[in-house]
Amino acid sequence: MEAVLVSRKYQVVIPRAVREALHIRPGQRMQVIQYEDRIELIPIRPTSEMRGFLKGIDVTIEQVPDRV
């Protein structure tokens, strides 16, 4: 875990290791969520990047008879 400093303009720098691991690029939009006593930054990805991310998922789940 790395610590960052909040500037006078309330800006922070995302550490290089985190940027590289999450493939964050300059100008990329982030969703900011307050959850209890923390802030979460979630990279907003284009829908085209999501294509195929569920590849290989098990679809043989039994359905509940009254829900079919």
Protein backbone atom coordinates (compact mmCIF):
# COMPACT_ATOMS: atom_id res chain seq x y z
CA MET A 1 0.00 0.00 0.00
CA GLU A 2 1.31 3.42 -0.90
CA ALA A 3 0.48 6.82 0.58
CA VAL A 4 -0.14 9.97 -1.44
CA LEU A 5 -0.19 13.64 -0.52
CA VAL A 6 -3.21 15.87 -1.17
CA SER A 7 -2.12 19.18 -2.70
CA ARG A 8 -3.55 22.61 -1.86
CA LYS A 9 -5.81 22.16 -4.90
CA TYR A 10 -7.04 18.80 -3.51
CA GLN A 11 -5.17 16.86 -6.20
CA VAL A 12 -3.42 13.52 -5.72
CA VAL A 13 -1.00 11.57 -7.91
CA ILE A 14 -1.85 7.92 -8.51
CA PRO A 15 1.35 5.93 -7.92
CA ARG A 16 3.03 4.51 -11.03
CA ALA A 17 2.64 0.87 -9.94
CA VAL A 18 -1.13 1.34 -9.58
CA ARG A 19 -1.44 3.21 -12.90
CA GLU A 20 0.45 0.48 -14.73
CA ALA A 21 -1.44 -2.37 -13.06
CA LEU A 22 -4.82 -0.82 -13.95
CA HIS A 23 -3.71 0.55 -17.35
CA ILE A 24 -4.75 4.10 -16.42
CA ARG A 25 -3.85 6.72 -19.05
CA PRO A 26 -3.69 10.55 -18.90
CA GLY A 27 -7.11 12.09 -19.53
CA GLN A 28 -8.97 8.91 -18.59
CA ARG A 29 -12.20 9.45 -16.68
CA MET A 30 -12.62 7.99 -13.19
CA GLN A 31 -15.74 7.39 -11.17
CA VAL A 32 -15.38 8.70 -7.59
CA ILE A 33 -17.33 6.93 -4.88
CA GLN A 34 -17.46 7.71 -1.17
CA TYR A 35 -17.87 4.50 0.80
CA GLU A 36 -18.04 4.89 4.58
CA ASP A 37 -14.72 6.55 5.52
CA ARG A 38 -12.85 6.06 2.25
CA ILE A 39 -12.74 7.27 -1.36
CA GLU A 40 -12.74 4.80 -4.24
CA LEU A 41 -11.62 5.69 -7.77
CA ILE A 42 -12.94 3.39 -10.49
CA PRO A 43 -11.59 3.75 -14.04
CA ILE A 44 -14.38 4.25 -16.57
CA ARG A 45 -13.73 1.90 -19.47
CA PRO A 46 -15.28 2.14 -22.95
CA THR A 47 -17.89 -0.50 -23.66
CA SER A 48 -15.77 -1.83 -26.51
CA GLU A 49 -13.07 -2.82 -23.97
CA MET A 50 -15.60 -4.97 -22.10
CA ARG A 51 -16.20 -7.25 -25.08
CA GLY A 52 -15.37 -10.83 -24.14
CA PHE A 53 -14.61 -10.23 -20.45
CA LEU A 54 -17.10 -12.96 -19.46
CA LYS A 55 -15.59 -15.47 -21.85
CA GLY A 56 -15.49 -18.93 -20.31
CA ILE A 57 -18.17 -18.24 -17.68
CA ASP A 58 -20.15 -21.31 -16.58
CA VAL A 59 -23.68 -20.96 -17.99
CA THR A 60 -24.92 -24.37 -16.86
CA ILE A 61 -26.55 -23.02 -13.71
CA GLU A 62 -29.86 -24.68 -12.85
CA GLN A 63 -32.83 -22.34 -13.04
CA VAL A 64 -35.46 -22.16 -10.31
CA PRO A 65 -38.66 -23.59 -11.92
CA ASP A 66 -40.91 -20.64 -10.94
CA ARG A 67 -38.42 -18.14 -12.42
CA VAL A 68 -38.16 -19.58 -15.94
